[in-house]
Amino acid sequence: GFIQRHRLHEEYDILDRYSIKKMKNSFIQPLCSKTQEILSEILIDQR
């Protein structure tokens, strides 16, 4: 429902492109600095 609501599959073919059986070892990637900033915001949020 979330995937469809944000048109992720329609725009990016996400269910096929990111299938675990197709991606194999390539699906694990390093964190970038912008991602780390967002994660820090999530961890300290008290809302």
All heavy atoms as atom14 arrays in JSON, in Angstrom:
{
  "sequence": "GFIQRHRLHEEYDILDRYSIKKMKNSFIQPLCSKTQEILSEILIDQR",
  "atom14_mask": [
    [1, 1, 1, 1, 0, 0, 0, 0, 0, 0, 0, 0, 0, 0],
    [1, 1, 1, 1, 1, 1, 1, 1, 1, 1, 1, 0, 0, 0],
    [1, 1, 1, 1, 1, 1, 1, 1, 0, 0, 0, 0, 0, 0],
    [1, 1, 1, 1, 1, 1, 1, 1, 1, 0, 0, 0, 0, 0],
    [1, 1, 1, 1, 1, 1, 1, 1, 1, 1, 1, 0, 0, 0],
    [1, 1, 1, 1, 1, 1, 1, 1, 1, 1, 0, 0, 0, 0],
    [1, 1, 1, 1, 1, 1, 1, 1, 1, 1, 1, 0, 0, 0],
    [1, 1, 1, 1, 1, 1, 1, 1, 0, 0, 0, 0, 0, 0],
    [1, 1, 1, 1, 1, 1, 1, 1, 1, 1, 0, 0, 0, 0],
    [1, 1, 1, 1, 1, 1, 1, 1, 1, 0, 0, 0, 0, 0],
    [1, 1, 1, 1, 1, 1, 1, 1, 1, 0, 0, 0, 0, 0],
    [1, 1, 1, 1, 1, 1, 1, 1, 1, 1, 1, 1, 0, 0],
    [1, 1, 1, 1, 1, 1, 1, 1, 0, 0, 0, 0, 0, 0],
    [1, 1, 1, 1, 1, 1, 1, 1, 0, 0, 0, 0, 0, 0],
    [1, 1, 1, 1, 1, 1, 1, 1, 0, 0, 0, 0, 0, 0],
    [1, 1, 1, 1, 1, 1, 1, 1, 0, 0, 0, 0, 0, 0],
    [1, 1, 1, 1, 1, 1, 1, 1, 1, 1, 1, 0, 0, 0],
    [1, 1, 1, 1, 1, 1, 1, 1, 1, 1, 1, 1, 0, 0],
    [1, 1, 1, 1, 1, 1, 0, 0, 0, 0, 0, 0, 0, 0],
    [1, 1, 1, 1, 1, 1, 1, 1, 0, 0, 0, 0, 0, 0],
    [1, 1, 1, 1, 1, 1, 1, 1, 1, 0, 0, 0, 0, 0],
    [1, 1, 1, 1, 1, 1, 1, 1, 1, 0, 0, 0, 0, 0],
    [1, 1, 1, 1, 1, 1, 1, 1, 0, 0, 0, 0, 0, 0],
    [1, 1, 1, 1, 1, 1, 1, 1, 1, 0, 0, 0, 0, 0],
    [1, 1, 1, 1, 1, 1, 1, 1, 0, 0, 0, 0, 0, 0],
    [1, 1, 1, 1, 1, 1, 0, 0, 0, 0, 0, 0, 0, 0],
    [1, 1, 1, 1, 1, 1, 1, 1, 1, 1, 1, 0, 0, 0],
    [1, 1, 1, 1, 1, 1, 1, 1, 0, 0, 0, 0, 0, 0],
    [1, 1, 1, 1, 1, 1, 1, 1, 1, 0, 0, 0, 0, 0],
    [1, 1, 1, 1, 1, 1, 1, 0, 0, 0, 0, 0, 0, 0],
    [1, 1, 1, 1, 1, 1, 1, 1, 0, 0, 0, 0, 0, 0],
    [1, 1, 1, 1, 1, 1, 0, 0, 0, 0, 0, 0, 0, 0],
    [1, 1, 1, 1, 1, 1, 0, 0, 0, 0, 0, 0, 0, 0],
    [1, 1, 1, 1, 1, 1, 1, 1, 1, 0, 0, 0, 0, 0],
    [1, 1, 1, 1, 1, 1, 1, 0, 0, 0, 0, 0, 0, 0],
    [1, 1, 1, 1, 1, 1, 1, 1, 1, 0, 0, 0, 0, 0],
    [1, 1, 1, 1, 1, 1, 1, 1, 1, 0, 0, 0, 0, 0],
    [1, 1, 1, 1, 1, 1, 1, 1, 0, 0, 0, 0, 0, 0],
    [1, 1, 1, 1, 1, 1, 1, 1, 0, 0, 0, 0, 0, 0],
    [1, 1, 1, 1, 1, 1, 0, 0, 0, 0, 0, 0, 0, 0],
    [1, 1, 1, 1, 1, 1, 1, 1, 1, 0, 0, 0, 0, 0],
    [1, 1, 1, 1, 1, 1, 1, 1, 0, 0, 0, 0, 0, 0],
    [1, 1, 1, 1, 1, 1, 1, 1, 0, 0, 0, 0, 0, 0],
    [1, 1, 1, 1, 1, 1, 1, 1, 0, 0, 0, 0, 0, 0],
    [1, 1, 1, 1, 1, 1, 1, 1, 0, 0, 0, 0, 0, 0],
    [1, 1, 1, 1, 1, 1, 1, 1, 1, 0, 0, 0, 0, 0],
    [1, 1, 1, 1, 1, 1, 1, 1, 1, 1, 1, 0, 0, 0]
  ],
  "atom14_positions": [
    [[0.82, -1.22, 0.0], [0.0, 0.0, 0.0], [0.85, 1.26, 0.0], [0.58, 2.21, -0.75], [0.0, 0.0, 0.0], [0.0, 0.0, 0.0], [0.0, 0.0, 0.0], [0.0, 0.0, 0.0], [0.0, 0.0, 0.0], [0.0, 0.0, 0.0], [0.0, 0.0, 0.0], [0.0, 0.0, 0.0], [0.0, 0.0, 0.0], [0.0, 0.0, 0.0]],
    [[1.9, 1.28, 0.81], [2.8, 2.43, 0.84], [3.52, 2.6, -0.49], [3.66, 3.7, -1.02], [3.82, 2.24, 1.98], [4.79, 3.38, 2.12], [4.51, 4.45, 2.95], [5.99, 3.39, 1.42], [5.4, 5.51, 3.09], [6.9, 4.43, 1.54], [6.59, 5.5, 2.38], [0.0, 0.0, 0.0], [0.0, 0.0, 0.0], [0.0, 0.0, 0.0]],
    [[3.99, 1.48, -1.06], [4.7, 1.51, -2.34], [3.81, 2.08, -3.44], [4.24, 2.93, -4.24], [5.18, 0.08, -2.71], [6.25, -0.38, -1.72], [5.73, 0.04, -4.14], [6.58, -1.86, -1.83], [0.0, 0.0, 0.0], [0.0, 0.0, 0.0], [0.0, 0.0, 0.0], [0.0, 0.0, 0.0], [0.0, 0.0, 0.0], [0.0, 0.0, 0.0]],
    [[2.55, 1.65, -3.45], [1.62, 2.13, -4.48], [1.24, 3.59, -4.23], [1.11, 4.38, -5.18], [0.37, 1.25, -4.49], [0.63, -0.17, -4.99], [-0.59, -1.06, -4.87], [-1.53, -0.76, -4.12], [-0.58, -2.17, -5.58], [0.0, 0.0, 0.0], [0.0, 0.0, 0.0], [0.0, 0.0, 0.0], [0.0, 0.0, 0.0], [0.0, 0.0, 0.0]],
    [[1.06, 3.95, -2.97], [0.65, 5.31, -2.64], [1.68, 6.34, -3.11], [1.34, 7.45, -3.53], [0.44, 5.43, -1.13], [-0.16, 6.74, -0.68], [-0.79, 6.64, 0.7], [0.18, 6.38, 1.75], [0.26, 5.22, 2.41], [-0.54, 4.21, 2.09], [1.15, 5.07, 3.38], [0.0, 0.0, 0.0], [0.0, 0.0, 0.0], [0.0, 0.0, 0.0]],
    [[2.94, 5.96, -3.07], [4.01, 6.88, -3.48], [4.55, 6.55, -4.87], [5.59, 7.08, -5.25], [5.13, 6.86, -2.44], [4.72, 7.43, -1.12], [4.63, 8.78, -0.88], [4.34, 6.82, 0.04], [4.23, 9.0, 0.36], [4.04, 7.82, 0.94], [0.0, 0.0, 0.0], [0.0, 0.0, 0.0], [0.0, 0.0, 0.0], [0.0, 0.0, 0.0]],
    [[3.83, 5.69, -5.6], [4.13, 5.39, -7.0], [5.57, 4.87, -7.19], [6.19, 5.08, -8.25], [3.91, 6.63, -7.87], [2.51, 7.2, -7.79], [2.41, 8.56, -8.44], [2.73, 8.5, -9.86], [1.82, 8.33, -10.83], [0.55, 8.17, -10.52], [2.19, 8.3, -12.08], [0.0, 0.0, 0.0], [0.0, 0.0, 0.0], [0.0, 0.0, 0.0]],
    [[6.1, 4.19, -6.2], [7.49, 3.73, -6.27], [7.68, 2.66, -7.33], [8.68, 2.67, -8.06], [7.94, 3.21, -4.89], [8.01, 4.24, -3.78], [8.34, 3.58, -2.46], [9.05, 5.3, -4.11], [0.0, 0.0, 0.0], [0.0, 0.0, 0.0], [0.0, 0.0, 0.0], [0.0, 0.0, 0.0], [0.0, 0.0, 0.0], [0.0, 0.0, 0.0]],
    [[6.73, 1.74, -7.41], [6.87, 0.69, -8.42], [6.58, 1.25, -9.81], [7.29, 0.95, -10.78], [5.93, -0.47, -8.13], [6.03, -1.57, -9.14], [7.21, -2.24, -9.39], [5.11, -2.1, -9.99], [7.01, -3.15, -10.34], [5.74, -3.07, -10.72], [0.0, 0.0, 0.0], [0.0, 0.0, 0.0], [0.0, 0.0, 0.0], [0.0, 0.0, 0.0]],
    [[5.56, 2.08, -9.91], [5.17, 2.65, -11.21], [6.3, 3.47, -11.83], [6.56, 3.4, -13.03], [3.92, 3.52, -11.01], [3.38, 4.11, -12.31], [2.13, 4.93, -12.06], [1.48, 4.73, -11.0], [1.8, 5.75, -12.92], [0.0, 0.0, 0.0], [0.0, 0.0, 0.0], [0.0, 0.0, 0.0], [0.0, 0.0, 0.0], [0.0, 0.0, 0.0]],
    [[7.0, 4.23, -11.0], [8.04, 5.11, -11.51], [9.42, 4.45, -11.6], [10.22, 4.79, -12.46], [8.14, 6.35, -10.61], [6.89, 7.22, -10.6], [6.63, 7.86, -11.96], [7.61, 8.14, -12.69], [5.44, 8.06, -12.29], [0.0, 0.0, 0.0], [0.0, 0.0, 0.0], [0.0, 0.0, 0.0], [0.0, 0.0, 0.0], [0.0, 0.0, 0.0]],
    [[9.69, 3.51, -10.69], [11.05, 2.95, -10.61], [11.12, 1.43, -10.81], [12.18, 0.85, -10.68], [11.67, 3.29, -9.25], [11.95, 4.76, -9.08], [11.04, 5.6, -8.45], [13.13, 5.33, -9.57], [11.29, 6.95, -8.29], [13.39, 6.68, -9.42], [12.47, 7.49, -8.78], [12.73, 8.83, -8.64], [0.0, 0.0, 0.0], [0.0, 0.0, 0.0]],
    [[9.96, 0.79, -11.1], [9.94, -0.67, -11.28], [10.59, -1.34, -10.06], [11.37, -2.28, -10.18], [10.69, -1.05, -12.56], [10.41, -2.5, -12.97], [9.37, -3.03, -12.58], [11.27, -3.09, -13.64], [0.0, 0.0, 0.0], [0.0, 0.0, 0.0], [0.0, 0.0, 0.0], [0.0, 0.0, 0.0], [0.0, 0.0, 0.0], [0.0, 0.0, 0.0]],
    [[10.24, -0.84, -8.88], [11.0, -1.18, -7.67], [10.86, -2.63, -7.24], [11.79, -3.24, -6.71], [10.6, -0.21, -6.53], [11.75, -0.08, -5.55], [9.3, -0.63, -5.86], [11.65, 1.13, -4.67], [0.0, 0.0, 0.0], [0.0, 0.0, 0.0], [0.0, 0.0, 0.0], [0.0, 0.0, 0.0], [0.0, 0.0, 0.0], [0.0, 0.0, 0.0]],
    [[9.69, -3.24, -7.5], [9.49, -4.62, -7.07], [10.36, -5.59, -7.86], [10.72, -6.66, -7.37], [8.01, -5.01, -7.2], [7.01, -4.1, -6.47], [5.61, -4.68, -6.54], [7.42, -3.88, -5.02], [0.0, 0.0, 0.0], [0.0, 0.0, 0.0], [0.0, 0.0, 0.0], [0.0, 0.0, 0.0], [0.0, 0.0, 0.0], [0.0, 0.0, 0.0]],
    [[10.69, -5.2, -9.07], [11.56, -6.04, -9.9], [13.02, -5.63, -9.76], [13.9, -6.46, -9.56], [11.13, -5.94, -11.36], [11.94, -6.89, -12.24], [11.82, -8.11, -12.04], [12.69, -6.4, -13.11], [0.0, 0.0, 0.0], [0.0, 0.0, 0.0], [0.0, 0.0, 0.0], [0.0, 0.0, 0.0], [0.0, 0.0, 0.0], [0.0, 0.0, 0.0]],
    [[13.27, -4.34, -9.8], [14.64, -3.81, -9.77], [15.36, -4.14, -8.47], [16.57, -4.39, -8.46], [14.57, -2.3, -9.96], [15.91, -1.58, -9.95], [15.69, -0.09, -10.12], [16.91, 0.68, -9.92], [16.95, 2.0, -9.8], [15.83, 2.71, -9.86], [18.1, 2.62, -9.63], [0.0, 0.0, 0.0], [0.0, 0.0, 0.0], [0.0, 0.0, 0.0]],
    [[14.62, -4.15, -7.34], [15.25, -4.38, -6.04], [14.91, -5.76, -5.45], [15.06, -5.97, -4.25], [14.85, -3.27, -5.06], [15.53, -1.97, -5.39], [14.93, -1.04, -6.23], [16.8, -1.68, -4.91], [15.56, 0.16, -6.56], [17.44, -0.49, -5.22], [16.81, 0.42, -6.05], [17.45, 1.59, -6.37], [0.0, 0.0, 0.0], [0.0, 0.0, 0.0]],
    [[14.52, -6.68, -6.28], [14.25, -8.05, -5.81], [15.53, -8.68, -5.27], [16.58, -8.62, -5.91], [13.7, -8.89, -6.96], [13.7, -10.26, -6.6], [0.0, 0.0, 0.0], [0.0, 0.0, 0.0], [0.0, 0.0, 0.0], [0.0, 0.0, 0.0], [0.0, 0.0, 0.0], [0.0, 0.0, 0.0], [0.0, 0.0, 0.0], [0.0, 0.0, 0.0]],
    [[15.46, -9.31, -4.1], [16.63, -9.91, -3.48], [17.25, -10.99, -4.37], [18.47, -11.16, -4.41], [16.27, -10.5, -2.09], [17.51, -11.06, -1.38], [15.22, -11.58, -2.22], [18.53, -10.07, -1.02], [0.0, 0.0, 0.0], [0.0, 0.0, 0.0], [0.0, 0.0, 0.0], [0.0, 0.0, 0.0], [0.0, 0.0, 0.0], [0.0, 0.0, 0.0]],
    [[16.44, -11.71, -5.1], [16.95, -12.8, -5.93], [17.72, -12.3, -7.14], [18.55, -13.0, -7.69], [15.8, -13.7, -6.37], [15.16, -14.43, -5.2], [14.03, -15.34, -5.63], [13.41, -16.05, -4.44], [12.3, -16.93, -4.82], [0.0, 0.0, 0.0], [0.0, 0.0, 0.0], [0.0, 0.0, 0.0], [0.0, 0.0, 0.0], [0.0, 0.0, 0.0]],
    [[17.45, -11.05, -7.54], [18.17, -10.48, -8.68], [19.37, -9.66, -8.27], [20.38, -9.6, -8.97], [17.22, -9.61, -9.52], [16.17, -10.42, -10.27], [15.42, -9.54, -11.25], [14.45, -10.38, -12.08], [13.75, -9.57, -13.08], [0.0, 0.0, 0.0], [0.0, 0.0, 0.0], [0.0, 0.0, 0.0], [0.0, 0.0, 0.0], [0.0, 0.0, 0.0]],
    [[19.29, -9.03, -7.1], [20.36, -8.13, -6.7], [21.57, -8.86, -6.13], [22.7, -8.44, -6.27], [19.85, -7.13, -5.65], [18.78, -6.22, -6.2], [18.36, -4.93, -5.04], [19.81, -3.89, -5.15], [0.0, 0.0, 0.0], [0.0, 0.0, 0.0], [0.0, 0.0, 0.0], [0.0, 0.0, 0.0], [0.0, 0.0, 0.0], [0.0, 0.0, 0.0]],
    [[21.34, -9.98, -5.46], [22.41, -10.79, -4.86], [23.34, -9.89, -4.04], [22.9, -9.11, -3.22], [23.13, -11.57, -5.94], [22.2, -12.56, -6.63], [22.91, -13.44, -7.63], [21.93, -14.42, -8.25], [22.56, -15.29, -9.25], [0.0, 0.0, 0.0], [0.0, 0.0, 0.0], [0.0, 0.0, 0.0], [0.0, 0.0, 0.0], [0.0, 0.0, 0.0]],
    [[24.66, -10.01, -4.2], [25.59, -9.3, -3.33], [25.61, -7.79, -3.52], [26.13, -7.07, -2.68], [27.02, -9.85, -3.52], [27.19, -11.2, -2.86], [27.09, -11.32, -1.65], [27.44, -12.22, -3.66], [0.0, 0.0, 0.0], [0.0, 0.0, 0.0], [0.0, 0.0, 0.0], [0.0, 0.0, 0.0], [0.0, 0.0, 0.0], [0.0, 0.0, 0.0]],
    [[25.04, -7.31, -4.6], [25.13, -5.87, -4.89], [24.16, -5.03, -4.06], [24.18, -3.81, -4.14], [24.88, -5.62, -6.38], [23.54, -5.98, -6.72], [0.0, 0.0, 0.0], [0.0, 0.0, 0.0], [0.0, 0.0, 0.0], [0.0, 0.0, 0.0], [0.0, 0.0, 0.0], [0.0, 0.0, 0.0], [0.0, 0.0, 0.0], [0.0, 0.0, 0.0]],
    [[23.29, -5.66, -3.27], [22.27, -4.86, -2.6], [22.8, -4.15, -1.34], [22.18, -3.23, -0.84], [21.04, -5.7, -2.29], [21.11, -6.53, -1.04], [20.36, -6.18, 0.08], [21.9, -7.66, -0.98], [20.41, -6.94, 1.23], [21.94, -8.43, 0.16], [21.19, -8.07, 1.27], [0.0, 0.0, 0.0], [0.0, 0.0, 0.0], [0.0, 0.0, 0.0]],
    [[23.96, -4.56, -0.83], [24.55, -3.9, 0.34], [25.51, -2.81, -0.12], [26.4, -3.06, -0.92], [25.27, -4.92, 1.24], [24.27, -5.93, 1.81], [25.99, -4.21, 2.38], [24.89, -7.02, 2.65], [0.0, 0.0, 0.0], [0.0, 0.0, 0.0], [0.0, 0.0, 0.0], [0.0, 0.0, 0.0], [0.0, 0.0, 0.0], [0.0, 0.0, 0.0]],
    [[25.31, -1.59, 0.39], [26.12, -0.45, -0.02], [26.52, 0.39, 1.19], [25.87, 0.32, 2.23], [25.34, 0.41, -1.02], [24.96, -0.33, -2.3], [24.15, 0.54, -3.24], [23.48, 1.47, -2.82], [24.22, 0.22, -4.52], [0.0, 0.0, 0.0], [0.0, 0.0, 0.0], [0.0, 0.0, 0.0], [0.0, 0.0, 0.0], [0.0, 0.0, 0.0]],
    [[27.57, 1.19, 1.08], [28.0, 2.02, 2.22], [27.07, 3.21, 2.47], [26.39, 3.67, 1.56], [29.39, 2.5, 1.78], [29.34, 2.48, 0.29], [28.47, 1.32, -0.08], [0.0, 0.0, 0.0], [0.0, 0.0, 0.0], [0.0, 0.0, 0.0], [0.0, 0.0, 0.0], [0.0, 0.0, 0.0], [0.0, 0.0, 0.0], [0.0, 0.0, 0.0]],
    [[27.07, 3.69, 3.7], [26.28, 4.88, 4.04], [26.98, 6.13, 3.53], [28.19, 6.26, 3.61], [26.14, 4.99, 5.56], [25.37, 3.9, 6.3], [25.33, 4.22, 7.79], [23.97, 3.75, 5.76], [0.0, 0.0, 0.0], [0.0, 0.0, 0.0], [0.0, 0.0, 0.0], [0.0, 0.0, 0.0], [0.0, 0.0, 0.0], [0.0, 0.0, 0.0]],
    [[26.17, 7.06, 3.02], [26.73, 8.35, 2.62], [26.52, 9.35, 3.76], [25.76, 9.11, 4.7], [26.07, 8.86, 1.34], [24.32, 9.3, 1.53], [0.0, 0.0, 0.0], [0.0, 0.0, 0.0], [0.0, 0.0, 0.0], [0.0, 0.0, 0.0], [0.0, 0.0, 0.0], [0.0, 0.0, 0.0], [0.0, 0.0, 0.0], [0.0, 0.0, 0.0]],
    [[27.19, 10.47, 3.7], [27.14, 11.44, 4.81], [25.73, 12.02, 5.01], [25.31, 12.23, 6.15], [28.14, 12.58, 4.55], [27.85, 13.22, 3.32], [0.0, 0.0, 0.0], [0.0, 0.0, 0.0], [0.0, 0.0, 0.0], [0.0, 0.0, 0.0], [0.0, 0.0, 0.0], [0.0, 0.0, 0.0], [0.0, 0.0, 0.0], [0.0, 0.0, 0.0]],
    [[25.0, 12.26, 3.93], [23.64, 12.79, 4.04], [22.73, 11.78, 4.74], [21.91, 12.16, 5.59], [23.1, 13.13, 2.65], [21.67, 13.69, 2.66], [21.56, 14.97, 3.46], [20.15, 15.53, 3.42], [19.99, 16.73, 4.28], [0.0, 0.0, 0.0], [0.0, 0.0, 0.0], [0.0, 0.0, 0.0], [0.0, 0.0, 0.0], [0.0, 0.0, 0.0]],
    [[22.89, 10.52, 4.4], [22.1, 9.47, 5.05], [22.39, 9.44, 6.55], [21.47, 9.33, 7.37], [22.43, 8.09, 4.44], [22.01, 8.08, 3.07], [21.72, 6.97, 5.18], [0.0, 0.0, 0.0], [0.0, 0.0, 0.0], [0.0, 0.0, 0.0], [0.0, 0.0, 0.0], [0.0, 0.0, 0.0], [0.0, 0.0, 0.0], [0.0, 0.0, 0.0]],
    [[23.65, 9.57, 6.92], [24.03, 9.55, 8.34], [23.38, 10.71, 9.1], [22.97, 10.55, 10.25], [25.55, 9.61, 8.46], [26.22, 8.33, 7.98], [27.74, 8.45, 7.92], [28.27, 9.53, 7.7], [28.43, 7.35, 8.12], [0.0, 0.0, 0.0], [0.0, 0.0, 0.0], [0.0, 0.0, 0.0], [0.0, 0.0, 0.0], [0.0, 0.0, 0.0]],
    [[23.26, 11.86, 8.46], [22.62, 13.0, 9.11], [21.15, 12.71, 9.39], [20.63, 13.02, 10.47], [22.73, 14.23, 8.2], [24.14, 14.79, 8.05], [24.2, 15.93, 7.05], [23.11, 16.44, 6.69], [25.31, 16.31, 6.63], [0.0, 0.0, 0.0], [0.0, 0.0, 0.0], [0.0, 0.0, 0.0], [0.0, 0.0, 0.0], [0.0, 0.0, 0.0]],
    [[20.47, 12.11, 8.41], [19.04, 11.8, 8.57], [18.85, 10.75, 9.66], [17.93, 10.85, 10.49], [18.44, 11.31, 7.24], [18.54, 12.43, 6.19], [16.98, 10.89, 7.42], [18.17, 11.97, 4.77], [0.0, 0.0, 0.0], [0.0, 0.0, 0.0], [0.0, 0.0, 0.0], [0.0, 0.0, 0.0], [0.0, 0.0, 0.0], [0.0, 0.0, 0.0]],
    [[19.72, 9.75, 9.7], [19.62, 8.71, 10.72], [19.8, 9.3, 12.11], [19.11, 8.91, 13.06], [20.67, 7.62, 10.47], [20.54, 6.85, 9.16], [21.67, 5.83, 9.03], [19.18, 6.14, 9.06], [0.0, 0.0, 0.0], [0.0, 0.0, 0.0], [0.0, 0.0, 0.0], [0.0, 0.0, 0.0], [0.0, 0.0, 0.0], [0.0, 0.0, 0.0]],
    [[20.71, 10.25, 12.24], [20.93, 10.9, 13.54], [19.68, 11.66, 13.98], [19.29, 11.63, 15.15], [22.11, 11.87, 13.45], [23.32, 11.18, 13.2], [0.0, 0.0, 0.0], [0.0, 0.0, 0.0], [0.0, 0.0, 0.0], [0.0, 0.0, 0.0], [0.0, 0.0, 0.0], [0.0, 0.0, 0.0], [0.0, 0.0, 0.0], [0.0, 0.0, 0.0]],
    [[19.0, 12.3, 13.03], [17.76, 13.01, 13.35], [16.69, 12.04, 13.85], [15.96, 12.34, 14.81], [17.25, 13.75, 12.11], [18.1, 14.92, 11.66], [17.52, 15.61, 10.44], [16.36, 16.07, 10.54], [18.19, 15.66, 9.4], [0.0, 0.0, 0.0], [0.0, 0.0, 0.0], [0.0, 0.0, 0.0], [0.0, 0.0, 0.0], [0.0, 0.0, 0.0]],
    [[16.59, 10.88, 13.2], [15.6, 9.88, 13.61], [15.9, 9.36, 15.02], [15.0, 9.21, 15.85], [15.56, 8.71, 12.6], [15.01, 9.19, 11.25], [14.72, 7.55, 13.14], [15.06, 8.15, 10.15], [0.0, 0.0, 0.0], [0.0, 0.0, 0.0], [0.0, 0.0, 0.0], [0.0, 0.0, 0.0], [0.0, 0.0, 0.0], [0.0, 0.0, 0.0]],
    [[17.17, 9.11, 15.3], [17.56, 8.53, 16.59], [17.3, 9.48, 17.76], [16.97, 9.03, 18.86], [19.03, 8.12, 16.56], [19.37, 6.9, 15.7], [20.88, 6.74, 15.58], [18.74, 5.64, 16.26], [0.0, 0.0, 0.0], [0.0, 0.0, 0.0], [0.0, 0.0, 0.0], [0.0, 0.0, 0.0], [0.0, 0.0, 0.0], [0.0, 0.0, 0.0]],
    [[17.45, 10.78, 17.56], [17.3, 11.73, 18.68], [15.9, 12.34, 18.75], [15.58, 13.04, 19.72], [18.34, 12.87, 18.6], [18.1, 13.73, 17.34], [19.76, 12.3, 18.61], [19.01, 14.95, 17.27], [0.0, 0.0, 0.0], [0.0, 0.0, 0.0], [0.0, 0.0, 0.0], [0.0, 0.0, 0.0], [0.0, 0.0, 0.0], [0.0, 0.0, 0.0]],
    [[15.04, 12.05, 17.78], [13.71, 12.68, 17.75], [12.84, 12.22, 18.91], [12.78, 11.03, 19.23], [13.01, 12.35, 16.43], [11.64, 12.98, 16.35], [11.56, 14.23, 16.33], [10.65, 12.22, 16.35], [0.0, 0.0, 0.0], [0.0, 0.0, 0.0], [0.0, 0.0, 0.0], [0.0, 0.0, 0.0], [0.0, 0.0, 0.0], [0.0, 0.0, 0.0]],
    [[12.13, 13.17, 19.54], [11.27, 12.87, 20.69], [9.8, 13.18, 20.42], [8.99, 13.19, 21.34], [11.74, 13.68, 21.91], [13.16, 13.37, 22.36], [13.31, 11.95, 22.85], [12.46, 11.44, 23.57], [14.38, 11.27, 22.44], [0.0, 0.0, 0.0], [0.0, 0.0, 0.0], [0.0, 0.0, 0.0], [0.0, 0.0, 0.0], [0.0, 0.0, 0.0]],
    [[9.43, 13.42, 19.17], [8.03, 13.74, 18.86], [7.11, 12.56, 19.15], [7.54, 11.41, 19.17], [7.9, 14.14, 17.39], [8.61, 15.43, 17.02], [8.45, 15.7, 15.53], [9.1, 16.93, 15.1], [10.37, 17.04, 14.74], [11.16, 15.97, 14.77], [10.87, 18.2, 14.37], [0.0, 0.0, 0.0], [0.0, 0.0, 0.0], [0.0, 0.0, 0.0]]
  ]
}
